[in-house]
């Protein structure tokens, strides 16, 4: 089967961006609030666990080679994930704008833009996604700067806590994101280089998560537990010189990053389709059709079930990577014995 690899230098910044946006746009369903004193060590624990899984996976499977039937699962998982991301983007827009519009219209616009990006190819989409990294970091810096005056250290909720609370928080926030599969299967480079890139990504994620947790609690205090989207609330509260409201700028940037995530998922689904059927004439139509089905399924599933399905699918494909590597080693061993 023909194999196609992507430049890791272009892929890993996009992977970071796709993981970082999950710190900003969180679940809309009611969830238990954990104070920064607990969430920070829980974030470190989750990152260490994910890095341990990736290290073991890269050690057991260096090639990233999947069978055709595994690419069917990968394409389905990526299409479903793109559908979930589009649904969450639409919910985010509806929540932040309070506008009355048809969800079907927004989904139609998203799918039309996805079709155009799929026609352009994954490399072009990667470059566009990476362009969003600068506005995203600018948005985070602006959010922090605008709330500096309102940050009060006495708002930090400091109470005795146990390891059980940290584990509970880590369990609530843990997710094996399908994003991790993209560099594992499609990125160029050896095991050590990929592991270094993953380590840098999760190191920055821990630092960013720590800063954002402290920011939210120092500004909102115990009121943070009552916020649906903490950082959208901070964007409305932030003040910078004559600019009293900058939430529209933040919403636009975060929405574009979130949609970029959906676009990369869809391009990965298209890439898997091409690996399943090299002679497929219109893979973008199949990919958009899969994303449309993903949108329908996402609207039928709760956010909790969406996360469970994505984590389970990611874990299953990681096992497939290890099984494929072990089968390949046995095959080479049998050939050498002959």
Protein backbone atom coordinates (compact mmCIF):
# COMPACT_ATOMS: atom_id res chain seq x y z
CA UNK A 1 0.00 0.00 0.00
CA UNK A 2 1.25 3.44 -0.91
CA UNK A 3 2.38 5.43 2.09
CA UNK A 4 2.33 9.19 2.42
CA UNK A 5 4.14 11.12 5.12
CA UNK A 6 3.89 14.74 6.22
CA UNK A 7 6.59 17.13 7.35
CA UNK A 8 6.77 16.94 11.15
CA UNK A 9 7.84 20.61 11.41
CA UNK A 10 4.53 21.64 9.84
CA UNK A 11 2.42 19.03 11.62
CA UNK A 12 3.44 19.33 15.28
CA UNK A 13 2.62 23.07 15.67
CA UNK A 14 -0.87 22.26 14.36
CA UNK A 15 -1.13 19.39 16.85
CA UNK A 16 -0.25 21.78 19.68
CA UNK A 17 -2.87 24.26 18.51
CA UNK A 18 -5.54 21.55 18.33
CA UNK A 19 -4.77 20.42 21.89
CA UNK A 20 -4.45 23.96 23.29
CA UNK A 21 -7.87 25.12 22.08
CA UNK A 22 -9.44 22.45 24.33
CA UNK A 23 -8.14 24.45 27.31
CA UNK A 24 -10.19 27.46 26.18
CA UNK A 25 -13.40 26.00 24.76
CA UNK A 26 -14.51 23.43 27.31
CA UNK A 27 -17.63 21.29 27.57
CA UNK A 28 -20.96 23.13 27.64
CA UNK A 29 -22.63 20.50 29.80
CA UNK A 30 -22.73 20.89 33.57
CA UNK A 31 -19.44 19.73 35.03
CA UNK A 32 -17.78 19.56 38.42
CA UNK A 33 -15.46 22.48 39.14
CA UNK A 34 -12.00 21.80 40.52
CA UNK A 35 -9.97 24.66 41.95
CA UNK A 36 -6.55 25.54 40.52
CA UNK A 37 -4.86 23.96 43.51
CA UNK A 38 -6.18 20.59 42.24
CA UNK A 39 -6.36 21.09 38.46
CA UNK A 40 -2.69 22.04 38.07
CA UNK A 41 -1.25 18.78 39.48
CA UNK A 42 -4.06 16.90 37.66
CA UNK A 43 -2.95 18.48 34.36
CA UNK A 44 0.64 17.44 35.06
CA UNK A 45 -0.54 13.90 35.88
CA UNK A 46 -2.62 13.66 32.69
CA UNK A 47 0.24 14.96 30.54
CA UNK A 48 2.70 12.53 32.11
CA UNK A 49 0.29 9.63 31.56
CA UNK A 50 -0.30 10.58 27.93
CA UNK A 51 3.44 10.97 27.31
CA UNK A 52 4.01 7.55 28.90
CA UNK A 53 1.46 5.98 26.55
CA UNK A 54 3.05 7.71 23.55
CA UNK A 55 6.57 6.66 24.59
CA UNK A 56 5.49 3.02 24.94
CA UNK A 57 3.63 3.17 21.64
CA UNK A 58 6.54 4.72 19.74
CA UNK A 59 8.93 2.19 21.27
CA UNK A 60 6.76 -0.75 20.20
CA UNK A 61 5.71 0.68 16.83
CA UNK A 62 8.06 2.98 14.95
CA UNK A 63 6.69 2.63 11.42
CA UNK A 64 3.13 3.94 11.89
CA UNK A 65 1.94 1.40 9.33
CA UNK A 66 -1.76 0.51 9.45
CA UNK A 67 -3.69 -2.08 7.48
CA UNK A 68 -6.43 -0.97 5.10
CA UNK A 69 -9.22 -1.96 7.48
CA UNK A 70 -7.54 0.11 10.21
CA UNK A 71 -7.58 3.12 7.90
CA UNK A 72 -11.33 2.59 7.53
CA UNK A 73 -11.62 2.96 11.33
CA UNK A 74 -9.21 5.92 11.30
CA UNK A 75 -11.18 7.72 8.58
CA UNK A 76 -14.44 7.09 10.47
CA UNK A 77 -12.95 8.34 13.75
CA UNK A 78 -11.56 11.49 12.14
CA UNK A 79 -14.87 12.22 10.37
CA UNK A 80 -16.75 11.77 13.65
CA UNK A 81 -14.25 13.99 15.48
CA UNK A 82 -14.62 16.67 12.80
CA UNK A 83 -18.40 16.47 13.23
CA UNK A 84 -18.07 16.84 17.02
CA UNK A 85 -15.75 19.82 16.59
CA UNK A 86 -18.09 21.56 14.13
CA UNK A 87 -21.01 20.99 16.50
CA UNK A 88 -19.02 22.46 19.39
CA UNK A 89 -17.99 25.46 17.27
CA UNK A 90 -21.63 26.13 16.41
CA UNK A 91 -22.59 25.84 20.08
CA UNK A 92 -19.78 28.23 21.00
CA UNK A 93 -20.97 30.79 18.48
CA UNK A 94 -24.56 30.47 19.67
CA UNK A 95 -23.53 30.86 23.33
CA UNK A 96 -21.22 33.85 22.80
CA UNK A 97 -23.39 35.78 20.32
CA UNK A 98 -26.90 35.07 21.70
CA UNK A 99 -28.01 35.24 18.07
CA UNK A 100 -31.02 33.42 16.66
CA UNK A 101 -30.03 31.55 13.51
CA UNK A 102 -30.50 28.18 11.93
CA UNK A 103 -27.94 25.57 12.96
CA UNK A 104 -28.43 23.90 9.58
CA UNK A 105 -27.27 27.09 7.86
CA UNK A 106 -24.07 27.21 9.95
CA UNK A 107 -23.38 23.53 9.36
CA UNK A 108 -23.89 24.07 5.61
CA UNK A 109 -21.38 26.94 5.56
CA UNK A 110 -18.84 24.91 7.54
CA UNK A 111 -19.18 21.91 5.21
CA UNK A 112 -18.83 24.12 2.12
CA UNK A 113 -15.60 25.64 3.47
CA UNK A 114 -14.36 22.15 4.40
CA UNK A 115 -15.01 20.97 0.85
CA UNK A 116 -12.86 23.81 -0.50
CA UNK A 117 -10.03 23.04 1.94
CA UNK A 118 -10.17 19.34 1.09
CA UNK A 119 -9.83 20.22 -2.57
CA UNK A 120 -6.71 22.23 -1.68
CA UNK A 121 -5.04 19.27 0.04
CA UNK A 122 -3.74 18.51 3.52
CA UNK A 123 -0.41 20.33 3.10
CA UNK A 124 -2.22 23.58 2.22
CA UNK A 125 -4.64 23.09 5.11
CA UNK A 126 -1.71 22.52 7.48
CA UNK A 127 -0.15 25.82 6.44
CA UNK A 128 -3.46 27.61 7.02
CA UNK A 129 -3.86 25.97 10.44
CA UNK A 130 -0.34 26.97 11.45
CA UNK A 131 -1.11 30.56 10.48
CA UNK A 132 -3.68 30.57 13.30
CA UNK A 133 -0.96 29.88 15.88
CA UNK A 134 0.16 33.53 16.02
CA UNK A 135 -3.37 34.99 16.49
CA UNK A 136 -4.11 32.33 19.12
CA UNK A 137 -0.99 33.15 21.16
CA UNK A 138 -1.72 36.86 20.72
CA UNK A 139 -5.25 36.25 22.05
CA UNK A 140 -3.93 34.44 25.13
CA UNK A 141 -1.38 37.20 25.79
CA UNK A 142 -4.06 39.86 25.36
CA UNK A 143 -6.42 37.98 27.69
CA UNK A 144 -3.77 37.87 30.41
CA UNK A 145 -2.72 41.51 29.95
CA UNK A 146 -6.33 42.76 29.99
CA UNK A 147 -7.03 40.99 33.30
CA UNK A 148 -3.80 41.86 35.12
CA UNK A 149 -5.40 44.66 37.11
CA UNK A 150 -8.25 42.41 38.26
CA UNK A 151 -6.04 39.51 39.35
CA UNK A 152 -6.20 39.19 43.12
CA UNK A 153 -4.01 36.49 44.78
CA UNK A 154 -6.44 36.38 47.71
CA UNK A 155 -9.10 35.00 45.32
CA UNK A 156 -7.16 31.75 45.07
CA UNK A 157 -9.08 28.96 46.79
CA UNK A 158 -6.52 27.29 49.04
CA UNK A 159 -7.87 24.40 51.06
CA UNK A 160 -6.53 21.05 52.27
CA UNK A 161 -6.78 18.47 49.49
CA UNK A 162 -6.03 14.81 49.00
CA UNK A 163 -4.56 12.71 46.21
CA UNK A 164 -8.07 11.37 45.57
CA UNK A 165 -9.21 14.86 44.50
CA UNK A 166 -6.28 15.14 42.08
CA UNK A 167 -7.04 11.70 40.61
CA UNK A 168 -10.73 12.60 40.33
CA UNK A 169 -9.86 15.83 38.51
CA UNK A 170 -7.38 14.04 36.26
CA UNK A 171 -9.96 11.37 35.44
CA UNK A 172 -12.58 13.99 34.59
CA UNK A 173 -10.18 15.82 32.26
CA UNK A 174 -8.34 12.87 30.71
CA UNK A 175 -8.92 12.18 27.03
CA UNK A 176 -6.88 10.36 24.41
CA UNK A 177 -7.44 12.86 21.65
CA UNK A 178 -7.58 11.59 18.04
CA UNK A 179 -5.18 14.47 17.31
CA UNK A 180 -2.38 12.26 18.66
CA UNK A 181 -2.94 9.71 15.89
CA UNK A 182 -2.15 12.16 13.09
CA UNK A 183 1.61 12.49 13.77
CA UNK A 184 1.84 8.83 14.83
CA UNK A 185 0.56 7.64 11.46
CA UNK A 186 1.44 10.40 9.01
CA UNK A 187 4.47 12.35 10.32
CA UNK A 188 7.97 11.85 8.99
CA UNK A 189 10.81 11.30 11.43
CA UNK A 190 12.12 8.65 13.79
CA UNK A 191 10.82 7.68 17.22
CA UNK A 192 13.14 9.96 19.18
CA UNK A 193 12.29 13.03 17.14
CA UNK A 194 8.56 12.43 17.51
CA UNK A 195 8.90 11.85 21.24
CA UNK A 196 10.86 15.08 21.67
CA UNK A 197 8.15 16.96 19.79
CA UNK A 198 5.39 15.41 21.91
CA UNK A 199 7.34 16.25 25.10
CA UNK A 200 7.66 19.90 24.04
CA UNK A 201 3.96 20.08 23.18
CA UNK A 202 2.78 18.69 26.51
CA UNK A 203 5.34 20.77 28.40
CA UNK A 204 3.86 23.94 26.90
CA UNK A 205 0.31 22.61 27.47
CA UNK A 206 1.09 22.18 31.19
CA UNK A 207 2.54 25.71 31.43
CA UNK A 208 -0.40 27.19 29.52
CA UNK A 209 -2.94 25.23 31.58
CA UNK A 210 -1.29 26.37 34.81
CA UNK A 211 -1.32 30.03 33.77
CA UNK A 212 -4.95 29.89 32.63
CA UNK A 213 -6.11 28.08 35.79
CA UNK A 214 -4.44 30.67 38.01
CA UNK A 215 -5.76 33.51 35.87
CA UNK A 216 -9.36 32.31 36.03
CA UNK A 217 -9.32 31.79 39.77
CA UNK A 218 -7.44 34.97 40.66
CA UNK A 219 -9.99 37.03 38.72
CA UNK A 220 -13.22 35.16 39.41
CA UNK A 221 -12.48 33.33 42.65
CA UNK A 222 -15.29 31.01 43.70
CA UNK A 223 -17.49 32.53 40.97
CA UNK A 224 -15.43 30.56 38.42
CA UNK A 225 -17.37 27.43 39.39
CA UNK A 226 -20.59 29.06 38.13
CA UNK A 227 -19.24 30.01 34.69
CA UNK A 228 -20.10 27.92 31.61
CA UNK A 229 -17.02 29.17 29.76
CA UNK A 230 -14.54 30.71 32.18
CA UNK A 231 -12.27 32.31 29.59
CA UNK A 232 -15.11 33.83 27.61
CA UNK A 233 -16.18 35.46 30.89
CA UNK A 234 -12.63 36.76 31.33
CA UNK A 235 -12.65 38.15 27.79
CA UNK A 236 -15.76 40.17 28.68
CA UNK A 237 -14.28 41.39 31.98
CA UNK A 238 -10.86 42.34 30.62
CA UNK A 239 -9.96 46.01 30.25
CA UNK A 240 -7.00 47.44 28.34
CA UNK A 241 -6.66 51.21 28.09
CA UNK A 242 -9.65 52.52 26.09
CA UNK A 243 -10.67 49.02 24.94
CA UNK A 244 -13.41 48.01 27.35
CA UNK A 245 -14.75 45.01 25.45
CA UNK A 246 -12.51 42.69 23.42
CA UNK A 247 -14.57 39.51 23.64
CA UNK A 248 -15.56 39.69 19.95
CA UNK A 249 -11.90 39.51 18.91
CA UNK A 250 -11.25 36.54 21.19
CA UNK A 251 -14.40 34.72 20.03
CA UNK A 252 -13.43 35.16 16.39
CA UNK A 253 -9.88 33.84 16.93
CA UNK A 254 -10.98 30.89 19.09
CA UNK A 255 -13.73 29.97 16.63
CA UNK A 256 -11.29 29.98 13.71
CA UNK A 257 -8.85 27.80 15.66
CA UNK A 258 -11.65 25.40 16.55
CA UNK A 259 -12.78 25.23 12.92
CA UNK A 260 -9.14 24.69 11.86
CA UNK A 261 -9.18 21.64 14.12
CA UNK A 262 -12.23 20.29 12.29
CA UNK A 263 -10.51 20.97 8.95
CA UNK A 264 -7.41 18.99 9.93
CA UNK A 265 -9.57 16.11 11.13
CA UNK A 266 -11.42 16.11 7.81
CA UNK A 267 -8.16 16.23 5.81
CA UNK A 268 -6.85 13.27 7.80
CA UNK A 269 -10.04 11.36 6.97
CA UNK A 270 -9.52 12.20 3.29
CA UNK A 271 -5.90 11.04 3.46
CA UNK A 272 -6.97 7.71 4.94
CA UNK A 273 -9.59 7.31 2.21
CA UNK A 274 -6.86 7.75 -0.41
CA UNK A 275 -4.79 5.07 1.32
CA UNK A 276 -7.77 2.72 1.29
CA UNK A 277 -8.58 3.39 -2.37
CA UNK A 278 -5.72 4.92 -4.33
CA UNK A 279 -7.92 5.26 -7.42
CA UNK A 280 -10.66 7.18 -5.59
CA UNK A 281 -11.56 10.08 -7.89
CA UNK A 282 -13.39 12.32 -5.45
CA UNK A 283 -12.12 11.61 -1.92
CA UNK A 284 -13.21 15.08 -0.78
CA UNK A 285 -16.87 14.15 -1.39
CA UNK A 286 -16.50 10.99 0.69
CA UNK A 287 -14.73 12.95 3.43
CA UNK A 288 -17.39 15.69 3.55
CA UNK A 289 -20.10 13.02 3.56
CA UNK A 290 -18.35 11.36 6.52
CA UNK A 291 -18.12 14.68 8.38
CA UNK A 292 -21.84 15.31 7.72
CA UNK A 293 -22.61 11.92 9.24
CA UNK A 294 -20.30 12.86 12.13
CA UNK A 295 -22.29 16.07 12.70
CA UNK A 296 -25.52 14.07 12.82
CA UNK A 297 -24.08 11.55 15.29
CA UNK A 298 -22.57 14.35 17.42
CA UNK A 299 -26.01 15.93 17.76
CA UNK A 300 -27.41 12.59 18.91
CA UNK A 301 -24.64 11.99 21.49
CA UNK A 302 -23.95 13.91 24.67
CA UNK A 303 -20.55 15.58 25.01
CA UNK A 304 -19.55 12.94 27.52
CA UNK A 305 -20.24 10.14 25.06
CA UNK A 306 -18.46 12.02 22.28
CA UNK A 307 -15.32 12.10 24.43
CA UNK A 308 -15.67 8.41 25.33
CA UNK A 309 -16.04 7.39 21.68
CA UNK A 310 -13.03 9.46 20.61
CA UNK A 311 -10.85 8.16 23.45
CA UNK A 312 -11.88 4.55 22.83
CA UNK A 313 -11.30 4.87 19.07
CA UNK A 314 -7.87 6.44 19.63
CA UNK A 315 -6.87 3.71 22.11
CA UNK A 316 -8.08 1.00 19.73
CA UNK A 317 -6.04 2.35 16.82
CA UNK A 318 -2.98 2.66 19.07
CA UNK A 319 -3.35 -1.05 19.83
CA UNK A 320 -3.66 -1.69 16.07
CA UNK A 321 -0.36 0.16 15.51
CA UNK A 322 1.40 -2.08 18.02
CA UNK A 323 -0.21 -5.23 16.58
CA UNK A 324 0.81 -4.23 13.03
CA UNK A 325 4.41 -3.62 14.16
CA UNK A 326 4.59 -6.98 15.94
CA UNK A 327 3.17 -8.77 12.88
CA UNK A 328 5.69 -7.02 10.64
CA UNK A 329 8.55 -8.06 12.94
CA UNK A 330 7.39 -11.68 12.94
CA UNK A 331 7.18 -11.61 9.15
CA UNK A 332 10.72 -10.26 8.82
CA UNK A 333 11.93 -12.79 11.38
CA UNK A 334 10.41 -15.65 9.41
CA UNK A 335 12.01 -14.36 6.19
CA UNK A 336 15.42 -14.09 7.86
CA UNK A 337 15.07 -17.61 9.25
CA UNK A 338 14.43 -18.95 5.74
